[in-house]
Amino acid sequence: MADRPRFGPAGMPLGFKALKRTVDEMPGYLRAEGLDSFEYQMVRWGPVPQIRQEMAERLGKNADENDIWLTAHGSYFVNLTAVKKETLEASKRRLLGCVAGACWMGAHVVVFHPGSYAGRSPKEVFRVCERALNEVVESMRSLGLGKVRLAPEMMGKASQFGSLEEVLALCERVELTEPNVDWAHLHARDKGRFKTVDDVAEVMDVIERRLGTEALRNMHCHYSHTEFTAKGERRHHNVDRVEFGPEFKFLAKLIVERGLKPVIACETPNLDVDALKLRDMVRREMKIRARGQA
């Protein structure tokens, strides 16, 4: 559980890449910027961790020393709703490879995209995904990888498995899981869902009712402004693109009012720059609330 609201990039910022440093130096870079979380990207991984164990452990050590909350995003090649058995088995192996790497670096969660409907009914797809995810968890336990949590992501297109309801139901039924609440995806999937603070509060209330207060208080979240079409998410945009939503001020207000401690991974093109802007919005809300209680 995070000790406070934490903010950081989902991936390596452009400024860090320009320095041509190794990833284990990322925690010091982020701390110098004033950020305190980092979502390591495993999105091209296969079944074998694509980082040396020594490097992963060094990243984890530096994250601890610099007070950086470490999480990971799993392979894009995971599809736990696949029709073909061989695809499903390969997907489970890839996810386990990501979990193994996350354990080396001491990451708290591995976010992953569950899959797609591919013309099947949502109920049928849910059964396939639940069974596969339970099998992954069984393997995690047998391999001693149970410290990591799996975080199915709420997805931004109607063709993708991963509605709010589906992700929460998975987390209710499968151990070692927690939701990755992608506010931009929910906004796009429901064609502009978050128009008021009450719209955001409604989602929080559902999470708390279904998974409990601690699950709400300690959410792992993705955030960006997003462009969408009738089919859902199209692309991410920076927070300065005010013509796109959702507005972070709604989330910031509720984080402070409800005493939440989420980890917010920024997915805009300006990863670290915008993460700082999100952090500052929450800090402003804290000051406003403190003045009101004085």
Protein backbone atom coordinates (compact mmCIF):
# COMPACT_ATOMS: atom_id res chain seq x y z
CA MET A 1 0.00 0.00 0.00
CA ALA A 2 1.35 3.42 -0.91
CA ASP A 3 1.80 5.87 1.96
CA ARG A 4 0.50 8.89 0.03
CA PRO A 5 -0.75 9.79 -3.44
CA ARG A 6 2.18 9.04 -5.74
CA PHE A 7 2.85 10.23 -9.27
CA GLY A 8 5.23 9.18 -12.00
CA PRO A 9 5.62 8.20 -15.64
CA ALA A 10 4.42 5.05 -17.37
CA GLY A 11 7.71 4.44 -19.14
CA MET A 12 10.96 6.33 -19.63
CA PRO A 13 10.58 10.09 -20.22
CA LEU A 14 12.22 11.64 -23.27
CA GLY A 15 14.62 13.64 -21.11
CA PHE A 16 15.92 10.47 -19.47
CA LYS A 17 16.28 8.69 -22.79
CA ALA A 18 18.33 11.60 -24.13
CA LEU A 19 20.85 11.07 -21.33
CA LYS A 20 21.40 7.47 -22.55
CA ARG A 21 21.53 6.15 -19.01
CA THR A 22 20.59 2.63 -17.96
CA VAL A 23 17.15 2.06 -16.48
CA ASP A 24 18.49 1.45 -12.97
CA GLU A 25 19.31 5.17 -12.84
CA MET A 26 15.68 6.14 -13.41
CA PRO A 27 14.73 6.33 -9.68
CA GLY A 28 17.34 9.02 -8.98
CA TYR A 29 16.24 10.96 -12.06
CA LEU A 30 12.60 10.90 -10.98
CA ARG A 31 13.34 11.84 -7.39
CA ALA A 32 15.34 14.86 -8.60
CA GLU A 33 12.28 15.91 -10.59
CA GLY A 34 10.01 15.57 -7.56
CA LEU A 35 8.20 12.41 -8.65
CA ASP A 36 7.80 9.24 -6.59
CA SER A 37 6.57 6.38 -8.76
CA PHE A 38 7.64 4.60 -11.94
CA GLU A 39 5.79 2.09 -14.12
CA TYR A 40 8.43 -0.04 -15.85
CA GLN A 41 7.37 -1.12 -19.33
CA MET A 42 7.54 -4.84 -20.18
CA VAL A 43 5.24 -4.41 -23.16
CA ARG A 44 7.43 -6.27 -25.70
CA TRP A 45 8.41 -9.15 -23.44
CA GLY A 46 8.05 -12.80 -24.28
CA PRO A 47 8.00 -15.68 -21.77
CA VAL A 48 11.55 -14.93 -20.55
CA PRO A 49 12.26 -11.68 -18.66
CA GLN A 50 13.98 -9.26 -21.04
CA ILE A 51 16.08 -7.65 -18.34
CA ARG A 52 19.10 -9.11 -16.60
CA GLN A 53 18.31 -10.12 -13.03
CA GLU A 54 21.26 -8.07 -11.78
CA MET A 55 19.91 -4.95 -13.54
CA ALA A 56 16.39 -5.57 -12.24
CA GLU A 57 17.64 -5.94 -8.69
CA ARG A 58 19.72 -2.77 -9.04
CA LEU A 59 16.63 -0.90 -10.28
CA GLY A 60 14.68 -2.15 -7.26
CA LYS A 61 17.46 -1.17 -4.84
CA ASN A 62 17.70 2.32 -6.32
CA ALA A 63 13.91 2.66 -6.21
CA ASP A 64 13.94 1.88 -2.48
CA GLU A 65 16.78 4.31 -1.82
CA ASN A 66 15.07 7.10 -3.74
CA ASP A 67 11.56 6.41 -2.41
CA ILE A 68 10.16 5.49 -5.83
CA TRP A 69 7.10 3.22 -5.88
CA LEU A 70 7.78 0.65 -8.59
CA THR A 71 5.13 -1.05 -10.74
CA ALA A 72 5.22 -2.66 -14.20
CA HIS A 73 3.14 -2.93 -17.35
CA GLY A 74 3.05 -6.44 -18.76
CA SER A 75 3.44 -7.63 -22.32
CA TYR A 76 1.07 -6.46 -25.03
CA PHE A 77 1.27 -10.03 -26.34
CA VAL A 78 -0.81 -11.37 -23.45
CA ASN A 79 -4.32 -12.47 -24.43
CA LEU A 80 -6.09 -14.35 -21.66
CA THR A 81 -9.31 -14.48 -23.67
CA ALA A 82 -7.81 -16.28 -26.69
CA VAL A 83 -9.81 -18.91 -28.56
CA LYS A 84 -6.79 -21.03 -29.50
CA LYS A 85 -5.31 -23.09 -26.70
CA GLU A 86 -1.74 -22.52 -27.87
CA THR A 87 -2.26 -18.74 -27.82
CA LEU A 88 -3.73 -18.93 -24.34
CA GLU A 89 -0.85 -21.04 -23.02
CA ALA A 90 1.72 -18.72 -24.59
CA SER A 91 -0.04 -15.74 -23.04
CA LYS A 92 0.10 -17.28 -19.59
CA ARG A 93 3.83 -17.93 -20.01
CA ARG A 94 4.42 -14.33 -21.09
CA LEU A 95 2.51 -12.97 -18.11
CA LEU A 96 4.48 -15.22 -15.77
CA GLY A 97 7.70 -13.96 -17.33
CA CYS A 98 6.61 -10.41 -16.53
CA VAL A 99 5.76 -11.41 -12.96
CA ALA A 100 9.19 -13.01 -12.54
CA GLY A 101 10.89 -9.81 -13.71
CA ALA A 102 8.67 -7.74 -11.43
CA CYS A 103 9.71 -9.90 -8.47
CA TRP A 104 13.39 -9.35 -9.27
CA MET A 105 12.92 -5.58 -9.16
CA GLY A 106 10.46 -5.55 -6.27
CA ALA A 107 7.59 -4.07 -8.31
CA HIS A 108 4.24 -4.10 -6.54
CA VAL A 109 1.88 -4.87 -9.44
CA VAL A 110 1.96 -6.01 -13.06
CA VAL A 111 -0.69 -4.31 -15.17
CA PHE A 112 -1.92 -6.24 -18.22
CA HIS A 113 -4.51 -6.04 -21.00
CA PRO A 114 -6.88 -9.00 -20.59
CA GLY A 115 -7.90 -9.52 -24.24
CA SER A 116 -10.81 -9.00 -26.64
CA TYR A 117 -14.25 -10.43 -27.35
CA ALA A 118 -13.48 -11.59 -30.91
CA GLY A 119 -17.17 -12.00 -31.72
CA ARG A 120 -18.03 -14.00 -28.60
CA SER A 121 -20.44 -13.14 -25.82
CA PRO A 122 -19.04 -11.22 -22.82
CA LYS A 123 -20.08 -14.07 -20.50
CA GLU A 124 -18.16 -16.65 -22.51
CA VAL A 125 -15.08 -14.45 -22.68
CA PHE A 126 -15.25 -13.76 -18.94
CA ARG A 127 -15.22 -17.49 -18.20
CA VAL A 128 -12.16 -18.02 -20.39
CA CYS A 129 -10.30 -15.10 -18.82
CA GLU A 130 -11.21 -16.06 -15.24
CA ARG A 131 -10.00 -19.63 -15.77
CA ALA A 132 -6.73 -18.53 -17.39
CA LEU A 133 -6.06 -15.91 -14.71
CA ASN A 134 -6.65 -18.43 -11.95
CA GLU A 135 -4.16 -20.75 -13.63
CA VAL A 136 -1.59 -17.96 -13.77
CA VAL A 137 -2.11 -17.29 -10.06
CA GLU A 138 -1.69 -20.99 -9.26
CA SER A 139 1.61 -20.97 -11.16
CA MET A 140 2.70 -17.80 -9.36
CA ARG A 141 2.14 -19.48 -6.01
CA SER A 142 3.99 -22.65 -7.00
CA LEU A 143 6.93 -20.59 -8.30
CA GLY A 144 7.10 -18.38 -5.21
CA LEU A 145 6.00 -15.25 -7.09
CA GLY A 146 3.02 -14.41 -4.89
CA LYS A 147 4.31 -11.05 -3.65
CA VAL A 148 3.31 -9.40 -6.93
CA ARG A 149 -0.28 -8.48 -7.70
CA LEU A 150 -1.82 -8.79 -11.16
CA ALA A 151 -3.79 -5.74 -12.28
CA PRO A 152 -6.18 -6.28 -15.20
CA GLU A 153 -6.62 -2.95 -16.95
CA MET A 154 -9.91 -1.24 -17.72
CA MET A 155 -9.85 -0.87 -21.50
CA GLY A 156 -10.82 1.99 -23.78
CA LYS A 157 -12.63 0.27 -26.66
CA ALA A 158 -15.96 -1.53 -26.70
CA SER A 159 -14.34 -4.41 -28.64
CA GLN A 160 -11.91 -5.06 -25.80
CA PHE A 161 -12.65 -7.17 -22.75
CA GLY A 162 -12.12 -4.90 -19.75
CA SER A 163 -15.15 -2.84 -18.78
CA LEU A 164 -15.40 -1.53 -15.22
CA GLU A 165 -17.78 -4.36 -14.37
CA GLU A 166 -15.61 -7.06 -15.94
CA VAL A 167 -12.40 -5.97 -14.23
CA LEU A 168 -14.06 -5.68 -10.83
CA ALA A 169 -15.69 -9.10 -11.25
CA LEU A 170 -12.31 -10.64 -12.09
CA CYS A 171 -10.77 -9.08 -9.00
CA GLU A 172 -13.64 -10.39 -6.86
CA ARG A 173 -13.15 -13.94 -8.11
CA VAL A 174 -9.37 -14.30 -8.59
CA GLU A 175 -6.82 -14.00 -5.80
CA LEU A 176 -3.66 -11.84 -6.05
CA THR A 177 -5.45 -9.34 -8.29
CA GLU A 178 -6.41 -5.68 -8.08
CA PRO A 179 -7.88 -3.37 -10.71
CA ASN A 180 -5.85 -0.99 -12.81
CA VAL A 181 -8.22 1.95 -13.05
CA ASP A 182 -7.51 3.69 -16.34
CA TRP A 183 -9.60 6.86 -16.13
CA ALA A 184 -8.90 7.83 -19.74
CA HIS A 185 -9.99 4.40 -20.96
CA LEU A 186 -13.22 4.50 -18.98
CA HIS A 187 -13.86 8.01 -20.31
CA ALA A 188 -13.33 6.89 -23.91
CA ARG A 189 -15.13 3.54 -23.62
CA ASP A 190 -18.26 5.31 -22.40
CA LYS A 191 -17.89 8.17 -24.90
CA GLY A 192 -17.06 10.97 -22.49
CA ARG A 193 -18.20 9.50 -19.18
CA PHE A 194 -16.56 11.94 -16.75
CA LYS A 195 -18.28 15.29 -17.12
CA THR A 196 -18.63 16.12 -13.42
CA VAL A 197 -17.02 15.23 -10.11
CA ASP A 198 -20.07 13.08 -9.36
CA ASP A 199 -19.33 10.94 -12.42
CA VAL A 200 -15.90 10.12 -10.97
CA ALA A 201 -17.35 9.61 -7.50
CA GLU A 202 -19.81 7.08 -8.91
CA VAL A 203 -16.95 4.87 -10.16
CA MET A 204 -15.14 5.19 -6.83
CA ASP A 205 -18.29 4.19 -4.99
CA VAL A 206 -18.65 1.07 -7.14
CA ILE A 207 -15.02 0.07 -6.54
CA GLU A 208 -15.41 0.53 -2.79
CA ARG A 209 -18.69 -1.37 -2.67
CA ARG A 210 -17.35 -4.29 -4.71
CA LEU A 211 -13.75 -4.59 -3.48
CA GLY A 212 -13.65 -2.69 -0.20
CA THR A 213 -12.31 0.57 1.15
CA GLU A 214 -8.66 -0.49 0.99
CA ALA A 215 -8.96 -1.32 -2.71
CA LEU A 216 -10.31 2.16 -3.37
CA ARG A 217 -7.81 3.90 -1.13
CA ASN A 218 -4.83 2.17 -2.79
CA MET A 219 -5.83 2.17 -6.46
CA HIS A 220 -3.22 1.79 -9.17
CA CYS A 221 -4.33 4.20 -11.89
CA HIS A 222 -3.46 5.30 -15.40
CA TYR A 223 -4.25 8.82 -16.47
CA SER A 224 -4.04 10.91 -19.63
CA HIS A 225 -6.29 13.09 -21.71
CA THR A 226 -7.75 10.98 -24.48
CA GLU A 227 -9.25 11.41 -27.90
CA PHE A 228 -12.00 8.96 -28.79
CA THR A 229 -14.42 8.01 -31.53
CA ALA A 230 -17.66 6.03 -31.55
CA LYS A 231 -15.51 2.89 -31.22
CA GLY A 232 -13.69 4.18 -28.17
CA GLU A 233 -10.13 5.31 -27.44
CA ARG A 234 -8.11 6.73 -30.33
CA ARG A 235 -4.97 8.31 -28.82
CA HIS A 236 -3.56 9.86 -25.66
CA HIS A 237 -2.90 13.61 -25.33
CA ASN A 238 -1.09 15.88 -22.91
CA VAL A 239 -3.03 17.47 -20.05
CA ASP A 240 -2.71 20.90 -21.68
CA ARG A 241 -4.98 19.66 -24.48
CA VAL A 242 -8.07 20.85 -22.63
CA GLU A 243 -10.37 19.97 -25.53
CA PHE A 244 -9.92 16.35 -24.48
CA GLY A 245 -10.89 14.76 -21.18
CA PRO A 246 -11.25 13.57 -18.56
CA GLU A 247 -10.50 16.58 -16.39
CA PHE A 248 -8.09 15.60 -13.65
CA LYS A 249 -9.47 18.24 -11.27
CA PHE A 250 -12.41 15.92 -10.49
CA LEU A 251 -10.11 13.07 -9.51
CA ALA A 252 -7.78 15.40 -7.59
CA LYS A 253 -10.66 16.76 -5.53
CA LEU A 254 -11.90 13.30 -4.57
CA ILE A 255 -8.41 11.98 -3.78
CA VAL A 256 -8.11 14.70 -1.16
CA GLU A 257 -11.70 14.61 0.14
CA ARG A 258 -11.64 10.84 0.62
CA GLY A 259 -8.08 10.56 1.89
CA LEU A 260 -7.01 8.27 -0.94
CA LYS A 261 -3.44 7.14 -1.64
CA PRO A 262 -3.46 6.08 -5.29
CA VAL A 263 -0.44 5.48 -7.49
CA ILE A 264 -1.04 7.46 -10.69
CA ALA A 265 1.01 6.45 -13.73
CA CYS A 266 0.92 9.24 -16.31
CA GLU A 267 0.46 8.00 -19.89
CA THR A 268 0.46 11.31 -21.78
CA PRO A 269 3.20 11.96 -24.36
CA ASN A 270 4.85 14.29 -21.80
CA LEU A 271 5.20 11.52 -19.23
CA ASP A 272 7.10 13.19 -16.41
CA VAL A 273 6.15 16.79 -17.17
CA ASP A 274 2.46 15.96 -16.96
CA ALA A 275 2.95 13.70 -13.93
CA LEU A 276 4.26 16.78 -12.10
CA LYS A 277 1.20 18.76 -13.19
CA LEU A 278 -1.10 16.05 -11.83
CA ARG A 279 0.85 16.01 -8.56
CA ASP A 280 0.56 19.78 -8.27
CA MET A 281 -3.21 19.67 -8.81
CA VAL A 282 -3.58 17.30 -5.87
CA ARG A 283 -1.30 19.45 -3.74
CA ARG A 284 -3.44 22.51 -4.51
CA GLU A 285 -6.55 20.62 -3.44
CA MET A 286 -4.79 19.67 -0.21
CA LYS A 287 -4.03 23.32 0.52
CA ILE A 288 -7.61 24.37 -0.26
CA ARG A 289 -8.95 21.70 2.08
CA ALA A 290 -6.48 22.64 4.81
CA ARG A 291 -7.52 26.30 4.62
CA GLY A 292 -11.17 25.30 4.81
CA GLN A 293 -10.55 23.28 7.97
CA ALA A 294 -8.43 25.94 9.66
